[in-house]
Protein backbone atom coordinates (compact mmCIF):
# COMPACT_ATOMS: atom_id res chain seq x y z
CA MET A 1 -11.47 -16.92 -4.66
CA PRO A 2 -12.28 -19.29 -7.53
CA ASN A 3 -10.32 -18.71 -10.73
CA GLU A 4 -12.17 -21.11 -13.02
CA LYS A 5 -14.96 -18.66 -13.92
CA ARG A 6 -15.37 -14.92 -14.11
CA GLY A 7 -16.98 -13.25 -11.11
CA SER A 8 -17.33 -9.90 -9.38
CA VAL A 9 -15.16 -7.81 -7.07
CA VAL A 10 -16.92 -5.15 -5.01
CA THR A 11 -15.93 -2.76 -2.27
CA TYR A 12 -18.12 -3.00 0.80
CA PRO A 13 -19.85 0.24 1.86
CA GLN A 14 -17.80 2.49 4.08
CA PRO A 15 -19.20 4.77 6.79
CA GLU A 16 -20.56 8.03 5.42
CA HIS A 17 -17.77 9.94 7.18
CA ALA A 18 -14.99 7.92 5.48
CA ALA A 19 -12.36 10.11 3.85
CA GLU A 20 -12.37 10.28 0.05
CA HIS A 21 -8.67 9.39 -0.16
CA GLU A 22 -9.47 6.13 1.66
CA ARG A 23 -12.37 5.38 -0.67
CA ALA A 24 -10.21 6.08 -3.72
CA THR A 25 -7.39 3.85 -2.47
CA HIS A 26 -9.77 1.00 -1.72
CA ARG A 27 -11.32 1.27 -5.19
CA GLU A 28 -7.88 1.05 -6.83
CA ILE A 29 -6.92 -2.00 -4.78
CA ALA A 30 -10.22 -3.69 -5.65
CA ARG A 31 -9.62 -2.97 -9.34
CA TRP A 32 -6.16 -4.55 -9.13
CA ILE A 33 -7.56 -7.65 -7.46
CA ALA A 34 -10.28 -7.97 -10.10
CA LYS A 35 -7.86 -7.53 -13.00
CA ARG A 36 -5.33 -9.97 -11.58
CA HIS A 37 -7.95 -12.71 -11.19
CA GLY A 38 -9.87 -12.14 -14.42
CA MET A 39 -12.92 -10.78 -12.62
CA ASP A 40 -14.98 -7.61 -13.06
CA PHE A 41 -14.75 -4.71 -10.64
CA LEU A 42 -18.33 -3.54 -10.14
CA GLY A 43 -17.91 -0.70 -7.66
CA GLU A 44 -19.44 -0.44 -4.22
CA TYR A 45 -21.69 -3.28 -3.15
CA ASP A 46 -25.42 -2.69 -3.63
CA PRO A 47 -27.66 -5.26 -1.92
CA ALA A 48 -30.36 -4.61 -4.52
CA LYS A 49 -28.13 -5.84 -7.35
CA ASP A 50 -27.58 -9.40 -8.52
CA TYR A 51 -23.84 -9.85 -9.07
CA PRO A 52 -22.24 -12.52 -11.26
CA ALA A 53 -20.83 -15.18 -8.93
CA PRO A 54 -18.45 -15.66 -7.29
CA VAL A 55 -18.49 -12.31 -5.49
CA TYR A 56 -15.28 -11.18 -3.77
CA PHE A 57 -15.55 -8.39 -1.20
CA VAL A 58 -13.06 -5.66 -0.31
CA PRO A 59 -14.51 -4.21 2.93
CA ALA A 60 -13.30 -0.98 4.49
CA ASP A 61 -13.06 -2.62 7.90
CA VAL A 62 -13.13 -5.96 9.66
CA LEU A 63 -16.59 -7.52 9.48
CA THR A 64 -17.85 -7.99 13.04
CA ASP A 65 -21.14 -9.79 12.36
CA ARG A 66 -20.57 -13.38 11.28
CA GLN A 67 -24.23 -13.95 10.38
CA LYS A 68 -24.32 -10.89 8.16
CA ALA A 69 -21.06 -11.94 6.53
CA HIS A 70 -22.51 -15.37 5.89
CA ARG A 71 -25.61 -13.85 4.26
CA LEU A 72 -23.32 -11.91 1.93
CA GLY A 73 -21.63 -15.18 0.96
CA ILE A 74 -18.47 -14.53 2.98
CA ARG A 75 -17.69 -17.89 4.55
CA SER A 76 -13.88 -18.08 4.42
CA GLU A 77 -10.77 -16.03 3.68
CA GLN A 78 -11.28 -16.89 0.01
CA ASP A 79 -14.28 -14.55 -0.13
CA LEU A 80 -12.79 -11.23 0.99
CA PHE A 81 -9.73 -9.06 1.32
CA GLY A 82 -9.75 -8.58 5.07
CA GLY A 83 -11.16 -10.49 7.99
CA VAL A 84 -14.19 -11.54 10.01
CA VAL A 85 -14.54 -11.68 13.80
CA SER A 86 -17.48 -12.59 15.98
CA GLU A 87 -17.42 -9.49 18.21
CA PRO A 88 -16.49 -5.84 17.49
CA PHE A 89 -13.85 -5.62 20.25
CA MET A 90 -11.88 -8.45 18.61
CA ALA A 91 -11.07 -6.15 15.70
CA THR A 92 -9.39 -3.53 17.92
CA LYS A 93 -6.28 -3.04 20.05
CA ALA A 94 -8.35 -4.06 23.08
CA ILE A 95 -7.52 -7.76 22.62
CA VAL A 96 -3.75 -7.23 22.94
CA HIS A 97 -3.50 -6.90 26.73
CA PRO A 98 -5.07 -8.58 29.79
CA LEU A 99 -7.53 -7.01 32.21
CA VAL A 100 -6.28 -5.63 35.52
CA SER A 101 -8.22 -8.23 37.53
CA SER A 102 -10.61 -11.16 37.20
CA GLN A 103 -13.41 -8.87 38.42
CA SER A 104 -12.83 -6.27 35.71
CA PRO A 105 -15.72 -5.50 33.35
CA ALA A 106 -15.22 -6.90 29.84
CA PRO A 107 -17.22 -8.10 26.83
CA SER A 108 -18.92 -11.46 27.36
CA ALA A 109 -16.73 -13.10 24.70
CA TRP A 110 -13.47 -11.87 26.27
CA SER A 111 -10.73 -14.52 25.97
CA ASP A 112 -8.35 -14.78 28.92
CA GLU A 113 -6.69 -17.68 27.12
CA PHE A 114 -5.77 -15.43 24.18
CA CYS A 115 -4.27 -12.83 26.53
CA GLN A 116 -2.22 -15.51 28.25
CA ARG A 117 -1.00 -16.89 24.91
CA VAL A 118 0.21 -13.51 23.63
CA GLN A 119 1.51 -12.03 26.88
CA ARG A 120 5.13 -12.90 26.07
CA VAL A 121 4.99 -11.32 22.59
CA VAL A 122 3.38 -7.95 23.46
CA LEU A 123 4.54 -5.01 25.56
CA ASP A 124 3.62 -4.66 29.25
CA GLY A 125 0.12 -3.28 29.42
CA TYR A 126 -3.58 -3.63 30.22
CA SER A 127 -6.92 -3.23 28.54
CA ALA A 128 -9.69 -1.50 30.48
CA PHE A 129 -13.42 -1.21 29.94
CA SER A 130 -14.01 1.35 32.70
CA LEU A 131 -12.31 4.56 33.79
CA ASP A 132 -11.74 3.06 37.22
CA ASP A 133 -9.84 0.13 35.74
CA ALA A 134 -7.94 2.50 33.46
CA LYS A 135 -6.78 4.45 36.50
CA VAL A 136 -5.66 1.26 38.29
CA ALA A 137 -3.85 0.05 35.17
CA GLY A 138 -2.15 3.41 34.70
CA LEU A 139 -0.92 3.51 38.30
CA LEU A 140 0.50 -0.01 38.02
CA LEU A 141 2.39 0.86 34.85
CA LEU A 142 3.66 4.20 36.18
CA GLU A 143 5.67 2.26 38.75
CA HIS A 144 7.94 1.23 35.87
CA GLY A 145 7.95 4.39 33.73
CA PRO A 146 5.76 6.54 31.45
CA VAL A 147 2.46 5.13 30.19
CA ARG A 148 1.05 5.35 26.68
CA ILE A 149 -2.76 5.62 26.60
CA LYS A 150 -4.40 4.51 23.35
CA ALA A 151 -7.93 4.81 22.01
CA VAL A 152 -8.61 1.35 20.59
CA ARG A 153 -10.46 2.45 17.45
CA ALA A 154 -8.03 5.17 16.36
CA THR A 155 -5.73 4.56 13.39
CA ALA A 156 -2.62 6.07 11.76
CA GLY A 157 -1.02 6.85 15.14
CA ARG A 158 -3.83 9.14 16.27
CA GLY A 159 -5.75 8.98 19.56
CA GLN A 160 -2.71 8.47 21.79
CA ALA A 161 -1.20 10.31 24.76
CA VAL A 162 1.67 9.72 27.18
CA ALA A 163 1.52 10.20 30.97
CA SER A 164 4.74 10.47 33.01
CA ASN A 165 3.13 10.91 36.44
CA VAL A 166 -0.15 10.54 38.32
CA ASP A 167 -1.33 14.08 37.60
CA GLU A 168 -0.82 13.64 33.86
CA LEU A 169 -2.56 10.27 33.95
CA THR A 170 -5.56 11.75 35.78
CA SER A 171 -5.70 14.72 33.43
CA ILE A 172 -5.73 12.50 30.32
CA LEU A 173 -8.33 10.09 31.70
CA ASN A 174 -10.59 13.01 32.63
CA THR A 175 -10.82 13.95 28.95
CA LEU A 176 -12.07 10.52 27.90
CA ASN A 177 -15.64 9.37 27.37
CA ALA A 178 -16.71 6.72 29.88
CA ASP A 179 -19.37 5.28 27.56
CA GLU A 180 -16.83 4.90 24.73
CA ILE A 181 -14.47 3.03 27.05
CA ALA A 182 -17.27 0.81 28.38
CA SER A 183 -18.31 -0.09 24.82
CA HIS A 184 -14.93 -0.44 23.13
CA GLY A 185 -12.16 -0.37 25.74
CA LEU A 186 -8.94 1.53 26.31
CA VAL A 187 -5.33 0.35 26.11
CA LEU A 188 -2.58 1.42 28.51
CA GLU A 189 0.95 0.12 27.98
CA GLY A 190 4.53 0.92 28.79
CA HIS A 191 5.88 3.78 26.69
CA LEU A 192 8.93 3.16 24.50
CA SER A 193 11.39 5.67 23.11
CA ASP A 194 13.58 5.45 20.00
CA VAL A 195 10.88 3.33 18.36
CA THR A 196 10.93 1.57 15.01
CA THR A 197 7.59 0.07 14.00
CA HIS A 198 7.74 -2.98 11.76
CA SER A 199 4.86 -4.28 9.68
CA VAL A 200 4.76 -8.06 9.57
CA GLY A 201 2.09 -9.77 7.56
CA GLN A 202 0.69 -12.53 5.44
CA VAL A 203 -1.83 -12.04 2.60
CA ARG A 204 -3.71 -14.64 0.60
CA ILE A 205 -5.82 -13.99 -2.49
CA GLY A 206 -7.06 -17.08 -4.28
CA ASN A 207 -4.11 -19.46 -4.66
CA SER A 208 -1.51 -16.73 -4.17
CA GLN A 209 0.06 -15.99 -0.81
CA ILE A 210 2.83 -13.67 0.29
CA ALA A 211 4.47 -12.94 3.60
CA TYR A 212 6.43 -9.79 4.36
CA TYR A 213 8.20 -7.60 6.82
CA GLY A 214 8.54 -3.87 6.53
CA THR A 215 9.29 -0.60 8.25
CA GLN A 216 6.70 2.08 8.81
CA HIS A 217 7.54 5.74 8.32
CA LEU A 218 5.99 8.82 9.86
CA THR A 219 5.07 12.13 8.30
CA THR A 220 3.39 15.39 9.36
CA ASP A 221 -0.25 15.95 8.42
CA ASN A 222 -1.85 19.27 7.51
CA GLN A 223 -2.53 20.04 11.18
CA GLY A 224 1.07 19.43 12.20
CA ALA A 225 0.43 16.06 13.86
CA VAL A 226 2.90 13.21 13.33
CA VAL A 227 1.02 10.39 11.59
CA TYR A 228 1.54 7.33 9.39
CA GLY A 229 3.43 8.19 6.20
CA GLY A 230 3.98 4.89 4.43
CA THR A 231 5.68 1.50 4.60
CA ASP A 232 8.61 -0.20 2.88
CA LEU A 233 7.94 -3.92 2.43
CA VAL A 234 10.16 -6.91 1.67
CA ALA A 235 7.98 -9.79 0.50
CA VAL A 236 8.33 -13.47 -0.39
CA GLU A 237 5.89 -15.97 -1.83
CA GLY A 238 4.52 -18.19 0.92
CA SER A 239 4.00 -18.00 4.65
CA PHE A 240 5.71 -16.65 7.76
CA GLU A 241 7.84 -19.79 7.77
CA VAL A 242 9.26 -18.90 4.33
CA LEU A 243 9.91 -15.34 5.49
CA LEU A 244 11.94 -16.66 8.42
CA THR A 245 14.30 -18.49 6.03
CA LEU A 246 15.68 -15.13 4.84
CA LYS A 247 18.84 -13.62 6.21
CA LEU A 248 17.46 -11.30 8.90
CA SER A 249 18.69 -9.20 11.78
CA ASP A 250 18.00 -10.62 15.23
CA GLU A 251 15.45 -7.85 15.84
CA LEU A 252 13.54 -8.55 12.62
CA ARG A 253 13.55 -12.27 13.27
CA GLU A 254 12.14 -11.66 16.75
CA ALA A 255 9.48 -9.31 15.36
CA ILE A 256 8.35 -11.86 12.76
CA SER A 257 8.33 -14.73 15.25
CA LYS A 258 6.24 -12.72 17.73
CA ALA A 259 3.76 -11.71 15.03
CA GLN A 260 3.45 -15.37 14.05
CA ILE A 261 2.72 -16.39 17.66
CA PHE A 262 0.08 -13.65 17.93
CA ASP A 263 -1.49 -14.77 14.64
CA THR A 264 -1.65 -18.43 15.71
CA ALA A 265 -3.22 -17.50 19.05
CA ALA A 266 -5.90 -15.45 17.28
CA THR A 267 -6.75 -18.34 14.96
CA GLN A 268 -7.00 -20.80 17.84
CA CYS A 269 -8.60 -18.63 20.55
CA LEU A 270 -11.01 -16.26 18.80
CA PRO A 271 -14.09 -18.22 17.70
CA GLY A 272 -15.27 -17.53 14.17
CA PHE A 273 -12.18 -15.58 13.18
CA PHE A 274 -10.70 -15.84 9.70
CA ALA A 275 -8.75 -13.38 7.57
CA SER A 276 -7.01 -13.22 4.21
CA ARG A 277 -5.01 -10.16 5.32
CA ARG A 278 -3.12 -10.63 8.57
CA ASN A 279 -0.97 -7.62 9.37
CA TYR A 280 0.73 -6.88 12.68
CA ASP A 281 2.46 -3.73 13.91
CA VAL A 282 5.50 -4.69 15.98
CA ALA A 283 7.36 -2.02 17.96
CA CYS A 284 11.08 -2.13 18.67
CA GLY A 285 12.13 0.49 21.18
CA VAL A 286 13.73 1.32 24.51
CA ASP A 287 11.77 1.13 27.78
CA ALA A 288 12.19 3.35 30.86
CA LYS A 289 14.98 1.09 32.17
CA GLY A 290 16.97 1.42 28.94
CA ILE A 291 16.15 -2.12 27.81
CA ARG A 292 15.44 -2.75 24.13
CA ARG A 293 11.96 -4.25 23.81
CA VAL A 294 10.14 -5.90 20.92
CA GLY A 295 6.37 -6.38 21.09
CA VAL A 296 3.25 -6.64 18.95
CA LEU A 297 1.25 -3.41 19.22
CA GLU A 298 -1.87 -4.36 17.32
CA GLN A 299 -3.38 -6.42 14.56
CA SER A 300 -4.90 -5.28 11.27
CA TRP A 301 -7.25 -7.75 9.65
CA ARG A 302 -8.59 -5.22 7.17
CA ILE A 303 -7.37 -3.25 4.17
CA GLY A 304 -4.66 -0.91 5.42
CA GLY A 305 -1.98 1.62 4.60
CA ALA A 306 0.42 -1.03 3.32
CA SER A 307 -2.19 -2.92 1.27
CA SER A 308 -1.31 -1.22 -2.02
CA ALA A 309 2.31 -2.33 -1.53
CA GLU A 310 1.10 -5.86 -0.76
CA ILE A 311 -0.88 -6.03 -4.01
CA VAL A 312 2.03 -4.66 -6.07
CA ALA A 313 4.28 -7.31 -4.51
CA MET A 314 1.81 -10.06 -5.41
CA GLU A 315 1.70 -8.79 -9.00
CA ALA A 316 5.51 -8.77 -9.18
CA PHE A 317 5.67 -12.45 -8.30
CA GLN A 318 3.67 -13.23 -11.46
CA ALA A 319 6.55 -12.08 -13.68
CA THR A 320 8.55 -14.60 -15.72
CA PRO A 321 10.99 -15.52 -14.34
CA ALA A 322 9.46 -14.88 -10.94
CA PRO A 323 11.63 -13.04 -8.41
CA LYS A 324 12.41 -14.68 -5.08
CA ILE A 325 12.15 -11.46 -3.10
CA VAL A 326 10.23 -8.26 -3.89
CA GLN A 327 10.54 -4.81 -2.34
CA THR A 328 7.65 -2.34 -2.55
CA SER A 329 6.69 0.95 -0.89
CA SER A 330 3.43 2.69 -0.06
CA ILE A 331 3.76 6.44 0.41
CA GLU A 332 1.45 9.04 2.00
CA ARG A 333 2.27 12.76 1.98
CA TYR A 334 0.26 15.78 3.10
CA GLY A 335 0.35 19.24 1.58
CA ALA A 336 -0.55 20.82 -1.75
CA GLU A 337 2.83 20.40 -3.47
CA GLN A 338 4.27 16.92 -3.32
CA THR A 339 6.89 15.38 -5.58
CA THR A 340 6.44 11.66 -6.17
CA PRO A 341 8.90 9.23 -7.79
CA PRO A 342 8.29 9.03 -11.56
CA GLU A 343 7.78 5.26 -11.35
CA ALA A 344 5.13 5.52 -8.61
CA ILE A 345 1.46 4.75 -9.24
CA ILE A 346 -0.76 7.55 -7.90
CA LEU A 347 -3.72 6.29 -5.89
CA PHE A 348 -5.03 9.69 -4.82
CA SER A 349 -3.79 13.24 -5.20
CA GLY A 350 -6.00 16.15 -4.30
CA VAL A 351 -7.81 17.96 -1.53
CA ASP A 352 -9.67 15.59 0.75
CA ALA A 353 -12.51 17.19 2.67
CA THR A 354 -11.46 15.37 5.84
CA VAL A 355 -7.67 15.75 5.93
CA GLY A 356 -6.90 18.43 3.34
CA PRO A 357 -4.32 18.09 0.53
CA ILE A 358 -2.88 14.58 0.40
CA THR A 359 -1.02 12.39 -2.08
CA LYS A 360 -0.96 8.59 -1.86
CA CYS A 361 1.04 6.37 -4.15
CA VAL A 362 2.74 2.98 -4.40
CA MET A 363 5.84 1.75 -6.19
CA LEU A 364 7.85 -1.35 -6.89
CA GLY A 365 11.24 -0.99 -5.26
CA GLY A 366 12.31 0.99 -2.23
CA TYR A 367 11.63 4.66 -1.58
CA ASP A 368 14.05 7.10 0.04
CA TYR A 369 11.95 8.69 2.78
CA LYS A 370 14.62 11.33 3.33
CA GLN A 371 13.69 12.98 0.04
């Protein structure tokens, strides 16, 4: 994003069903980006308007049409907070695992090379684009323990189920939509227990770049489901390589290294892909044999739950003197009465028509999730 002249920052239209708390959070992040770079935040993008150039986009999701992105003026990671892929499936969990066979149905742009490159950094699993393949994949995985079945477009930990035997597998698959699977895919992978999910990422805006690791936390939503509740981040200025120079536990070092391998494979194997936000969920847990496993679960090349913490970290590095390491936290809590730390910045607090009462905030420094 050029800094030599004032330009415009806009959010890119979200689906009509998008939750208001998501819209509000995205607007606040876009405002921060505009302020930090001396640009004007001009709200949601309107194709009928003529915006002062350069225009920097903050889309709600990965852009999956390269030609459309190009028409908007999005030609590189310098033009957006997020990412661009050439096919919709590349933006989902479906790319993480291989197909069950060379005859399996798959999108025409499916990359076997990418699957081969990342196989050693992900958990055991398969992607399926038919219910028949899903059944075969599930049976293969059940030979080694319980199977986690994941809808590829679901977020925040939703859209998942675990099967411990053939009857449970069949029952779960019978509830799924065959057309949805044919269009977008389904992921089946070995289930882990005692799981910690790390966020590992790299974000670039203009000439500024940070890399970070963090730990995700869970909370209970208004329906009683266990969902994403926030992330603690530890960030440095620079790339994954700089992050790896820190004093880290063996598990964290392995998580960062595996995310880096996944990221490199995506850059080299997925044609047309670029992203300014490269975030990876990495699970550390115990498999059915009692072995501790570390594997990349999925990628996020779009604005996400930890993005507010990423932006606050980038702002902190602009202080004089600049810190070498920054810790930030994003926090999400459901329910009408929530107490937030006095130093936290509130992004949204109210009743969302989609999820009910919710409070979202971000803060510099760590947050005690036991509060």
